[in-house]
Amino acid sequence: NKASVLISIQFLLLISVCSSFNLDYFGSEDESRSSGSSRASSPPPGVDRELYELIISKLEIDNKTSQREDTLNRLMSAAGSTSISARKPSAQEELSGEAGRMISELPDLSFMQAKVLMFPVFLAPEAHSSPKLL
């Protein structure tokens, strides 16, 4: 039926898109623990220091709750002062016919009005447990 074909196509598209990301960059939970606190002081290039501190403090066995809360509070206070701007196309900007067709085929995402992006606070899920939040 038409719905199952559509779902199959969406699934294949999702797999092809996800496989193009280099997720090995983030490493595994075991690698993070074995590296110790030396990695906590210097996050990899392109990773926000405060987010990295949250992840590392979550993975450390003898982590301190107050340190994790301080990092979270710093991060949330910065989120309150962040502004969002959308690019508005100029009136003189003209698109080719092919570009117009491609844009018309894109899904309408105007319903997505969230001001915050959410990410998991763990690097790799444990084998037989549900994800644990802060």
N, C-alpha and C. Protein backbone atom coordinates (compact mmCIF):
# COMPACT_ATOMS: atom_id res chain seq x y z
N ASN A 1 0.83 -1.19 0.00
CA ASN A 1 0.00 0.00 0.00
C ASN A 1 0.87 1.25 0.00
N LYS A 2 0.24 2.36 -0.26
CA LYS A 2 0.96 3.62 -0.46
C LYS A 2 1.66 4.09 0.82
N ALA A 3 1.01 3.92 1.98
CA ALA A 3 1.60 4.38 3.23
C ALA A 3 2.87 3.61 3.57
N SER A 4 2.87 2.30 3.37
CA SER A 4 4.06 1.52 3.70
C SER A 4 5.21 1.83 2.75
N VAL A 5 4.90 2.11 1.50
CA VAL A 5 5.95 2.49 0.55
C VAL A 5 6.55 3.83 0.96
N LEU A 6 5.70 4.78 1.37
CA LEU A 6 6.18 6.09 1.80
C LEU A 6 7.06 5.96 3.03
N ILE A 7 6.64 5.14 3.99
CA ILE A 7 7.43 4.94 5.20
C ILE A 7 8.77 4.30 4.84
N SER A 8 8.76 3.34 3.93
CA SER A 8 10.01 2.68 3.52
C SER A 8 10.96 3.68 2.87
N ILE A 9 10.43 4.54 2.03
CA ILE A 9 11.26 5.54 1.37
C ILE A 9 11.83 6.51 2.39
N GLN A 10 11.00 6.95 3.35
CA GLN A 10 11.48 7.87 4.38
C GLN A 10 12.57 7.21 5.23
N PHE A 11 12.38 5.92 5.54
CA PHE A 11 13.37 5.20 6.33
C PHE A 11 14.70 5.10 5.59
N LEU A 12 14.64 4.76 4.31
CA LEU A 12 15.87 4.67 3.51
C LEU A 12 16.57 6.02 3.41
N LEU A 13 15.78 7.08 3.25
CA LEU A 13 16.35 8.42 3.20
C LEU A 13 17.03 8.77 4.52
N LEU A 14 16.36 8.44 5.63
CA LEU A 14 16.92 8.71 6.95
C LEU A 14 18.24 7.96 7.14
N ILE A 15 18.28 6.71 6.74
CA ILE A 15 19.50 5.92 6.87
C ILE A 15 20.62 6.53 6.04
N SER A 16 20.32 6.92 4.82
CA SER A 16 21.37 7.49 3.97
C SER A 16 21.88 8.82 4.51
N VAL A 17 20.98 9.63 5.08
CA VAL A 17 21.41 10.92 5.65
C VAL A 17 22.24 10.69 6.90
N CYS A 18 21.79 9.79 7.78
CA CYS A 18 22.51 9.53 9.03
C CYS A 18 23.87 8.91 8.77
N SER A 19 23.99 8.09 7.75
CA SER A 19 25.28 7.46 7.49
C SER A 19 26.30 8.47 6.97
N SER A 20 25.85 9.62 6.50
CA SER A 20 26.79 10.61 6.01
C SER A 20 27.42 11.44 7.13
N PHE A 21 26.87 11.36 8.36
CA PHE A 21 27.44 12.06 9.50
C PHE A 21 28.59 11.25 10.07
N ASN A 22 29.63 11.91 10.52
CA ASN A 22 30.75 11.23 11.14
C ASN A 22 30.53 11.21 12.64
N LEU A 23 29.80 10.21 13.12
CA LEU A 23 29.48 10.14 14.54
C LEU A 23 30.61 9.54 15.36
N ASP A 24 31.65 9.02 14.72
CA ASP A 24 32.80 8.50 15.45
C ASP A 24 33.53 9.62 16.19
N TYR A 25 33.30 10.85 15.77
CA TYR A 25 33.92 12.02 16.38
C TYR A 25 33.62 12.08 17.87
N PHE A 26 32.42 11.68 18.26
CA PHE A 26 31.99 11.81 19.64
C PHE A 26 32.57 10.71 20.53
N GLY A 27 32.99 9.60 19.96
CA GLY A 27 33.59 8.52 20.74
C GLY A 27 32.57 7.78 21.56
N SER A 28 33.04 6.81 22.31
CA SER A 28 32.14 6.01 23.14
C SER A 28 32.31 6.39 24.59
N GLU A 29 31.39 5.91 25.40
CA GLU A 29 31.41 6.21 26.82
C GLU A 29 32.66 5.63 27.47
N ASP A 30 33.07 4.43 27.05
CA ASP A 30 34.25 3.80 27.62
C ASP A 30 35.51 4.61 27.33
N GLU A 31 35.62 5.15 26.11
CA GLU A 31 36.77 5.97 25.76
C GLU A 31 36.81 7.22 26.62
N SER A 32 35.65 7.81 26.90
CA SER A 32 35.60 9.03 27.70
C SER A 32 36.04 8.76 29.13
N ARG A 33 35.63 7.62 29.69
CA ARG A 33 36.01 7.29 31.06
C ARG A 33 37.49 6.98 31.15
N SER A 34 38.03 6.26 30.17
CA SER A 34 39.44 5.87 30.23
C SER A 34 40.36 7.07 30.07
N SER A 35 39.88 8.11 29.42
CA SER A 35 40.72 9.29 29.21
C SER A 35 40.86 10.12 30.46
N GLY A 36 39.92 10.00 31.39
CA GLY A 36 40.01 10.71 32.65
C GLY A 36 39.69 12.18 32.54
N SER A 37 40.17 12.95 33.52
CA SER A 37 39.82 14.36 33.59
C SER A 37 40.68 15.22 32.67
N SER A 38 41.70 14.65 32.03
CA SER A 38 42.52 15.46 31.14
C SER A 38 41.72 15.99 29.97
N ARG A 39 40.73 15.19 29.51
CA ARG A 39 39.89 15.65 28.40
C ARG A 39 38.89 16.71 28.86
N ALA A 40 38.55 16.69 30.17
CA ALA A 40 37.55 17.62 30.68
C ALA A 40 38.03 19.06 30.56
N SER A 41 39.35 19.27 30.66
CA SER A 41 39.85 20.63 30.60
C SER A 41 39.91 21.17 29.17
N SER A 42 40.00 20.29 28.19
CA SER A 42 40.08 20.76 26.81
C SER A 42 39.16 19.95 25.90
N PRO A 43 37.98 20.51 25.58
CA PRO A 43 37.05 19.80 24.69
C PRO A 43 37.60 19.74 23.27
N PRO A 44 37.13 18.79 22.49
CA PRO A 44 37.56 18.71 21.09
C PRO A 44 37.14 19.98 20.33
N PRO A 45 37.81 20.30 19.24
CA PRO A 45 37.46 21.50 18.48
C PRO A 45 36.01 21.46 18.00
N GLY A 46 35.32 22.57 18.14
CA GLY A 46 33.94 22.67 17.67
C GLY A 46 32.91 22.27 18.70
N VAL A 47 33.34 21.80 19.88
CA VAL A 47 32.39 21.40 20.93
C VAL A 47 32.36 22.48 21.99
N ASP A 48 31.16 22.90 22.36
CA ASP A 48 30.99 23.93 23.37
C ASP A 48 31.56 23.44 24.70
N ARG A 49 32.39 24.25 25.34
CA ARG A 49 33.07 23.86 26.57
C ARG A 49 32.09 23.49 27.68
N GLU A 50 31.03 24.28 27.85
CA GLU A 50 30.09 24.02 28.93
C GLU A 50 29.30 22.73 28.70
N LEU A 51 28.91 22.48 27.46
CA LEU A 51 28.23 21.21 27.17
C LEU A 51 29.17 20.04 27.41
N TYR A 52 30.42 20.21 27.03
CA TYR A 52 31.40 19.15 27.22
C TYR A 52 31.60 18.86 28.70
N GLU A 53 31.65 19.91 29.52
CA GLU A 53 31.79 19.72 30.97
C GLU A 53 30.60 18.96 31.54
N LEU A 54 29.40 19.26 31.04
CA LEU A 54 28.22 18.53 31.50
C LEU A 54 28.33 17.05 31.19
N ILE A 55 28.75 16.73 29.98
CA ILE A 55 28.85 15.32 29.58
C ILE A 55 29.93 14.62 30.39
N ILE A 56 31.09 15.24 30.53
CA ILE A 56 32.19 14.62 31.26
C ILE A 56 31.82 14.43 32.72
N SER A 57 31.21 15.43 33.34
CA SER A 57 30.84 15.30 34.75
C SER A 57 29.80 14.20 34.94
N LYS A 58 28.96 13.98 33.94
CA LYS A 58 27.97 12.90 34.01
C LYS A 58 28.66 11.54 33.94
N LEU A 59 29.75 11.45 33.18
CA LEU A 59 30.43 10.18 33.00
C LEU A 59 31.41 9.83 34.11
N GLU A 60 31.88 10.82 34.84
CA GLU A 60 32.84 10.55 35.91
C GLU A 60 32.16 9.80 37.04
N ILE A 61 32.85 8.83 37.59
CA ILE A 61 32.26 8.00 38.65
C ILE A 61 32.08 8.79 39.93
N ASP A 62 33.06 9.58 40.30
CA ASP A 62 32.98 10.34 41.54
C ASP A 62 32.61 11.80 41.26
N ASN A 63 31.63 12.00 40.40
CA ASN A 63 31.27 13.37 40.03
C ASN A 63 30.58 14.08 41.19
N LYS A 64 30.70 15.39 41.17
CA LYS A 64 30.11 16.21 42.22
C LYS A 64 28.85 16.85 41.67
N THR A 65 27.75 16.69 42.38
CA THR A 65 26.47 17.22 41.93
C THR A 65 26.52 18.74 41.80
N SER A 66 27.16 19.40 42.74
CA SER A 66 27.19 20.87 42.70
C SER A 66 27.94 21.38 41.48
N GLN A 67 29.03 20.71 41.09
CA GLN A 67 29.78 21.13 39.90
C GLN A 67 28.92 20.99 38.66
N ARG A 68 28.16 19.90 38.56
CA ARG A 68 27.30 19.68 37.41
C ARG A 68 26.18 20.71 37.39
N GLU A 69 25.62 21.02 38.55
CA GLU A 69 24.55 22.02 38.62
C GLU A 69 25.08 23.40 38.26
N ASP A 70 26.30 23.74 38.70
CA ASP A 70 26.89 25.03 38.35
C ASP A 70 27.07 25.15 36.84
N THR A 71 27.56 24.09 36.21
CA THR A 71 27.74 24.11 34.76
C THR A 71 26.41 24.26 34.06
N LEU A 72 25.40 23.52 34.52
CA LEU A 72 24.07 23.61 33.91
C LEU A 72 23.49 25.01 34.09
N ASN A 73 23.65 25.60 35.26
CA ASN A 73 23.14 26.96 35.49
C ASN A 73 23.84 27.98 34.60
N ARG A 74 25.16 27.86 34.41
CA ARG A 74 25.89 28.75 33.51
C ARG A 74 25.38 28.62 32.09
N LEU A 75 25.16 27.38 31.68
CA LEU A 75 24.68 27.13 30.32
C LEU A 75 23.28 27.70 30.12
N MET A 76 22.39 27.50 31.09
CA MET A 76 21.02 27.99 30.96
C MET A 76 20.97 29.51 31.03
N SER A 77 21.84 30.14 31.79
CA SER A 77 21.84 31.61 31.83
C SER A 77 22.30 32.18 30.49
N ALA A 78 23.21 31.49 29.83
CA ALA A 78 23.64 31.94 28.50
C ALA A 78 22.54 31.74 27.48
N ALA A 79 21.73 30.71 27.65
CA ALA A 79 20.64 30.44 26.70
C ALA A 79 19.59 31.54 26.76
N GLY A 80 19.41 32.16 27.92
CA GLY A 80 18.42 33.23 28.04
C GLY A 80 18.79 34.47 27.26
N SER A 81 20.08 34.69 27.02
CA SER A 81 20.51 35.90 26.31
C SER A 81 20.78 35.66 24.83
N THR A 82 20.49 34.46 24.35
CA THR A 82 20.74 34.14 22.95
C THR A 82 19.61 34.66 22.08
N SER A 83 19.94 35.22 20.93
CA SER A 83 18.91 35.71 20.01
C SER A 83 18.94 34.90 18.72
N ILE A 84 17.80 34.86 18.06
CA ILE A 84 17.66 34.11 16.82
C ILE A 84 17.25 35.07 15.72
N SER A 85 17.87 34.94 14.56
CA SER A 85 17.47 35.76 13.43
C SER A 85 17.31 34.86 12.21
N ALA A 86 16.34 35.18 11.40
CA ALA A 86 16.09 34.40 10.19
C ALA A 86 16.49 35.22 8.97
N ARG A 87 17.07 34.57 8.00
CA ARG A 87 17.47 35.25 6.77
C ARG A 87 16.24 35.49 5.92
N LYS A 88 16.06 36.72 5.53
CA LYS A 88 14.95 37.07 4.65
C LYS A 88 15.51 37.28 3.25
N PRO A 89 14.98 36.58 2.25
CA PRO A 89 15.51 36.76 0.90
C PRO A 89 15.20 38.16 0.38
N SER A 90 16.15 38.70 -0.36
CA SER A 90 15.94 40.03 -0.91
C SER A 90 14.92 39.97 -2.05
N ALA A 91 14.31 41.09 -2.33
CA ALA A 91 13.28 41.14 -3.37
C ALA A 91 13.88 40.89 -4.75
N GLN A 92 15.16 41.20 -4.91
CA GLN A 92 15.80 41.04 -6.21
C GLN A 92 16.34 39.63 -6.43
N GLU A 93 16.33 38.81 -5.39
CA GLU A 93 16.87 37.46 -5.51
C GLU A 93 15.93 36.60 -6.35
N GLU A 94 16.46 36.05 -7.42
CA GLU A 94 15.65 35.19 -8.28
C GLU A 94 16.24 33.80 -8.28
N LEU A 95 15.35 32.81 -8.23
CA LEU A 95 15.78 31.42 -8.23
C LEU A 95 15.55 30.81 -9.61
N SER A 96 16.35 29.84 -9.94
CA SER A 96 16.14 29.14 -11.21
C SER A 96 14.90 28.27 -11.08
N GLY A 97 14.40 27.82 -12.20
CA GLY A 97 13.22 26.95 -12.19
C GLY A 97 13.47 25.67 -11.41
N GLU A 98 14.66 25.10 -11.57
CA GLU A 98 14.99 23.87 -10.85
C GLU A 98 15.03 24.10 -9.34
N ALA A 99 15.62 25.22 -8.92
CA ALA A 99 15.68 25.54 -7.50
C ALA A 99 14.27 25.74 -6.94
N GLY A 100 13.42 26.41 -7.69
CA GLY A 100 12.03 26.61 -7.26
C GLY A 100 11.29 25.30 -7.10
N ARG A 101 11.50 24.37 -8.04
CA ARG A 101 10.86 23.04 -7.94
C ARG A 101 11.36 22.29 -6.71
N MET A 102 12.67 22.35 -6.46
CA MET A 102 13.23 21.65 -5.30
C MET A 102 12.69 22.23 -4.00
N ILE A 103 12.60 23.54 -3.92
CA ILE A 103 12.08 24.18 -2.71
C ILE A 103 10.62 23.83 -2.51
N SER A 104 9.85 23.76 -3.58
CA SER A 104 8.43 23.44 -3.45
C SER A 104 8.22 22.00 -2.99
N GLU A 105 9.21 21.12 -3.21
CA GLU A 105 9.09 19.73 -2.78
C GLU A 105 9.51 19.53 -1.32
N LEU A 106 10.15 20.53 -0.72
CA LEU A 106 10.56 20.40 0.68
C LEU A 106 9.34 20.42 1.59
N PRO A 107 9.38 19.69 2.71
CA PRO A 107 8.24 19.70 3.63
C PRO A 107 8.11 21.06 4.31
N ASP A 108 6.89 21.39 4.70
CA ASP A 108 6.63 22.64 5.41
C ASP A 108 6.99 22.44 6.87
N LEU A 109 8.01 23.13 7.33
CA LEU A 109 8.46 23.00 8.71
C LEU A 109 8.11 24.24 9.54
N SER A 110 7.15 25.01 9.08
CA SER A 110 6.79 26.25 9.78
C SER A 110 6.19 25.97 11.16
N PHE A 111 5.75 24.74 11.41
CA PHE A 111 5.18 24.40 12.71
C PHE A 111 6.27 24.28 13.78
N MET A 112 7.51 24.19 13.36
CA MET A 112 8.61 24.03 14.32
C MET A 112 8.99 25.40 14.87
N GLN A 113 8.51 25.71 16.04
CA GLN A 113 8.72 27.02 16.63
C GLN A 113 9.60 26.99 17.87
N ALA A 114 10.25 25.86 18.15
CA ALA A 114 11.06 25.74 19.37
C ALA A 114 12.22 26.72 19.33
N LYS A 115 12.53 27.28 20.48
CA LYS A 115 13.65 28.21 20.58
C LYS A 115 14.89 27.54 21.16
N VAL A 116 14.75 26.27 21.53
CA VAL A 116 15.85 25.54 22.15
C VAL A 116 16.03 24.21 21.44
N LEU A 117 17.26 23.88 21.10
CA LEU A 117 17.56 22.56 20.58
C LEU A 117 17.89 21.66 21.75
N MET A 118 17.39 20.44 21.72
CA MET A 118 17.62 19.51 22.82
C MET A 118 18.45 18.34 22.34
N PHE A 119 19.43 17.97 23.14
CA PHE A 119 20.30 16.85 22.82
C PHE A 119 20.38 15.93 24.04
N PRO A 120 20.65 14.66 23.83
CA PRO A 120 20.80 13.76 24.98
C PRO A 120 22.02 14.14 25.80
N VAL A 121 21.98 13.85 27.09
CA VAL A 121 23.10 14.20 27.96
C VAL A 121 24.01 13.00 28.22
N PHE A 122 23.88 11.96 27.43
CA PHE A 122 24.78 10.81 27.55
C PHE A 122 25.35 10.52 26.18
N LEU A 123 26.54 9.95 26.16
CA LEU A 123 27.20 9.69 24.89
C LEU A 123 26.75 8.40 24.24
N ALA A 124 26.68 7.32 25.02
CA ALA A 124 26.28 6.03 24.47
C ALA A 124 25.35 5.35 25.45
N PRO A 125 24.22 4.82 24.99
CA PRO A 125 23.29 4.16 25.91
C PRO A 125 23.88 2.87 26.46
N GLU A 126 23.53 2.56 27.71
CA GLU A 126 23.97 1.29 28.29
C GLU A 126 23.20 0.17 27.61
N ALA A 127 23.74 -1.03 27.67
CA ALA A 127 23.19 -2.15 26.91
C ALA A 127 21.74 -2.47 27.26
N HIS A 128 21.40 -2.54 28.53
CA HIS A 128 20.05 -2.99 28.90
C HIS A 128 19.39 -2.04 29.89
N SER A 129 19.50 -0.76 29.66
CA SER A 129 18.86 0.18 30.57
C SER A 129 18.30 1.35 29.79
N SER A 130 17.41 2.06 30.43
CA SER A 130 16.84 3.24 29.79
C SER A 130 17.78 4.42 30.01
N PRO A 131 17.71 5.45 29.15
CA PRO A 131 18.59 6.62 29.31
C PRO A 131 18.34 7.32 30.64
N LYS A 132 19.40 7.76 31.26
CA LYS A 132 19.28 8.48 32.53
C LYS A 132 19.51 9.96 32.27
N LEU A 133 18.64 10.78 32.79
CA LEU A 133 18.78 12.22 32.62
C LEU A 133 19.45 12.81 33.84
N LEU A 134 19.84 14.07 33.75
CA LEU A 134 20.51 14.74 34.88
C LEU A 134 19.72 14.69 36.13
